[in-house]
Amino acid sequence: MQTVLPNLRGKIVVLYLINRSLEHVAVLEDPHFENLGDRLFIMGVVPDGTSPNDWATGITSTVAWDRVEEYLVFDTLEEYLSRAALAWDDTVYQ
């Protein structure tokens, strides 16, 4: 049986990774899947406003798909930033 991967092109995707705290997520813009060696990876660009001081904005980021525990899909960066702002209460991530 062949695995069907989601089409996430044009979306903003938040990745929650195995063995990482909820505060340490990866956010990718316009992600796609690629096989590198014997592993499947999700690749995309770090969007503006999603890394501390925007130090990684515009950089390609790659995450091993087998390390992803959960992911959220947003249609736009604005939607993601608006909803992410709701998660912060006195600098505590909810």
C-alpha atoms as a PDB file:
ATOM      1  CA  MET A   1       0.000   0.000   0.000  1.00  0.00           C
ATOM      2  CA  GLN A   2       1.399   3.380  -1.012  1.00  0.00           C
ATOM      3  CA  THR A   3       1.250   6.263   1.463  1.00  0.00           C
ATOM      4  CA  VAL A   4      -0.645   9.316   0.249  1.00  0.00           C
ATOM      5  CA  LEU A   5       0.992  12.524   1.413  1.00  0.00           C
ATOM      6  CA  PRO A   6      -0.986  15.721   1.946  1.00  0.00           C
ATOM      7  CA  ASN A   7      -0.657  18.496  -0.623  1.00  0.00           C
ATOM      8  CA  LEU A   8       0.470  21.462   1.488  1.00  0.00           C
ATOM      9  CA  ARG A   9       1.665  23.737  -1.312  1.00  0.00           C
ATOM     10  CA  GLY A  10       0.736  27.354  -0.729  1.00  0.00           C
ATOM     11  CA  LYS A  11      -0.092  26.743   2.951  1.00  0.00           C
ATOM     12  CA  ILE A  12       1.527  27.616   6.274  1.00  0.00           C
ATOM     13  CA  VAL A  13       2.249  24.483   8.295  1.00  0.00           C
ATOM     14  CA  VAL A  14       3.149  24.289  11.981  1.00  0.00           C
ATOM     15  CA  LEU A  15       4.994  21.093  12.902  1.00  0.00           C
ATOM     16  CA  TYR A  16       5.027  19.678  16.423  1.00  0.00           C
ATOM     17  CA  LEU A  17       8.006  17.363  16.719  1.00  0.00           C
ATOM     18  CA  ILE A  18       8.546  14.208  18.737  1.00  0.00           C
ATOM     19  CA  ASN A  19      10.491  14.810  21.975  1.00  0.00           C
ATOM     20  CA  ARG A  20      10.281  18.608  21.703  1.00  0.00           C
ATOM     21  CA  SER A  21       8.317  20.999  23.863  1.00  0.00           C
ATOM     22  CA  LEU A  22       5.231  22.746  22.494  1.00  0.00           C
ATOM     23  CA  GLU A  23       7.167  26.012  22.366  1.00  0.00           C
ATOM     24  CA  HIS A  24       9.645  24.564  19.881  1.00  0.00           C
ATOM     25  CA  VAL A  25       7.702  24.150  16.681  1.00  0.00           C
ATOM     26  CA  ALA A  26       8.780  24.424  13.077  1.00  0.00           C
ATOM     27  CA  VAL A  27       6.736  26.752  10.852  1.00  0.00           C
ATOM     28  CA  LEU A  28       7.009  26.274   7.093  1.00  0.00           C
ATOM     29  CA  GLU A  29       5.603  28.231   4.196  1.00  0.00           C
ATOM     30  CA  ASP A  30       4.675  26.484   0.937  1.00  0.00           C
ATOM     31  CA  PRO A  31       6.012  23.095   2.085  1.00  0.00           C
ATOM     32  CA  HIS A  32       6.553  20.049  -0.075  1.00  0.00           C
ATOM     33  CA  PHE A  33       7.906  16.546   0.463  1.00  0.00           C
ATOM     34  CA  GLU A  34      11.235  15.161  -0.730  1.00  0.00           C
ATOM     35  CA  ASN A  35      13.058  11.910  -0.222  1.00  0.00           C
ATOM     36  CA  LEU A  36      16.631  12.418   0.933  1.00  0.00           C
ATOM     37  CA  GLY A  37      18.550   9.187   1.213  1.00  0.00           C
ATOM     38  CA  ASP A  38      16.143   6.664   2.673  1.00  0.00           C
ATOM     39  CA  ARG A  39      13.989   9.183   4.573  1.00  0.00           C
ATOM     40  CA  LEU A  40      11.053  11.398   3.753  1.00  0.00           C
ATOM     41  CA  PHE A  41      11.376  15.087   4.618  1.00  0.00           C
ATOM     42  CA  ILE A  42       9.016  18.044   4.551  1.00  0.00           C
ATOM     43  CA  MET A  43      10.711  21.169   3.235  1.00  0.00           C
ATOM     44  CA  GLY A  44       9.632  24.786   3.148  1.00  0.00           C
ATOM     45  CA  VAL A  45      10.687  28.350   3.822  1.00  0.00           C
ATOM     46  CA  VAL A  46      10.626  29.919   7.296  1.00  0.00           C
ATOM     47  CA  PRO A  47       8.042  32.720   7.037  1.00  0.00           C
ATOM     48  CA  ASP A  48       8.451  36.248   8.342  1.00  0.00           C
ATOM     49  CA  GLY A  49       7.521  36.667  11.998  1.00  0.00           C
ATOM     50  CA  THR A  50       7.914  33.017  12.993  1.00  0.00           C
ATOM     51  CA  SER A  51      11.490  32.844  14.293  1.00  0.00           C
ATOM     52  CA  PRO A  52      13.063  34.860  17.129  1.00  0.00           C
ATOM     53  CA  ASN A  53      14.052  38.282  15.754  1.00  0.00           C
ATOM     54  CA  ASP A  54      13.282  36.853  12.298  1.00  0.00           C
ATOM     55  CA  TRP A  55      16.802  35.444  12.129  1.00  0.00           C
ATOM     56  CA  ALA A  56      15.671  32.521   9.947  1.00  0.00           C
ATOM     57  CA  THR A  57      13.170  34.342   7.701  1.00  0.00           C
ATOM     58  CA  GLY A  58      13.448  33.199   4.089  1.00  0.00           C
ATOM     59  CA  ILE A  59      15.704  30.236   4.871  1.00  0.00           C
ATOM     60  CA  THR A  60      14.757  26.759   3.669  1.00  0.00           C
ATOM     61  CA  SER A  61      14.019  24.438   6.574  1.00  0.00           C
ATOM     62  CA  THR A  62      13.835  20.665   6.371  1.00  0.00           C
ATOM     63  CA  VAL A  63      12.246  18.317   8.916  1.00  0.00           C
ATOM     64  CA  ALA A  64      12.198  14.532   8.840  1.00  0.00           C
ATOM     65  CA  TRP A  65       8.545  13.563   8.390  1.00  0.00           C
ATOM     66  CA  ASP A  66       8.925  10.621  10.787  1.00  0.00           C
ATOM     67  CA  ARG A  67       9.773  13.115  13.576  1.00  0.00           C
ATOM     68  CA  VAL A  68       6.451  14.962  13.182  1.00  0.00           C
ATOM     69  CA  GLU A  69       3.909  14.108  15.860  1.00  0.00           C
ATOM     70  CA  GLU A  70       1.214  16.593  14.837  1.00  0.00           C
ATOM     71  CA  TYR A  71       0.785  19.395  12.340  1.00  0.00           C
ATOM     72  CA  LEU A  72      -1.572  22.315  11.818  1.00  0.00           C
ATOM     73  CA  VAL A  73      -2.401  23.781   8.411  1.00  0.00           C
ATOM     74  CA  PHE A  74      -3.256  27.455   7.831  1.00  0.00           C
ATOM     75  CA  ASP A  75      -4.315  29.063   4.561  1.00  0.00           C
ATOM     76  CA  THR A  76      -2.285  32.245   5.130  1.00  0.00           C
ATOM     77  CA  LEU A  77       0.516  33.598   7.278  1.00  0.00           C
ATOM     78  CA  GLU A  78      -1.884  36.216   8.626  1.00  0.00           C
ATOM     79  CA  GLU A  79      -4.271  33.502   9.820  1.00  0.00           C
ATOM     80  CA  TYR A  80      -1.446  31.664  11.573  1.00  0.00           C
ATOM     81  CA  LEU A  81      -0.084  34.809  13.270  1.00  0.00           C
ATOM     82  CA  SER A  82      -3.566  35.837  14.399  1.00  0.00           C
ATOM     83  CA  ARG A  83      -4.299  32.456  15.937  1.00  0.00           C
ATOM     84  CA  ALA A  84      -0.825  32.095  17.432  1.00  0.00           C
ATOM     85  CA  ALA A  85      -1.327  35.418  19.221  1.00  0.00           C
ATOM     86  CA  LEU A  86      -4.326  33.861  20.998  1.00  0.00           C
ATOM     87  CA  ALA A  87      -2.050  31.174  22.473  1.00  0.00           C
ATOM     88  CA  TRP A  88       0.048  33.679  24.407  1.00  0.00           C
ATOM     89  CA  ASP A  89      -1.124  34.876  27.804  1.00  0.00           C
ATOM     90  CA  ASP A  90       1.450  36.803  29.855  1.00  0.00           C
ATOM     91  CA  THR A  91       4.234  35.135  27.794  1.00  0.00           C
ATOM     92  CA  VAL A  92       3.036  31.616  28.657  1.00  0.00           C
ATOM     93  CA  TYR A  93       2.309  29.452  25.661  1.00  0.00           C
ATOM     94  CA  GLN A  94      -1.036  27.672  26.078  1.00  0.00           C
END
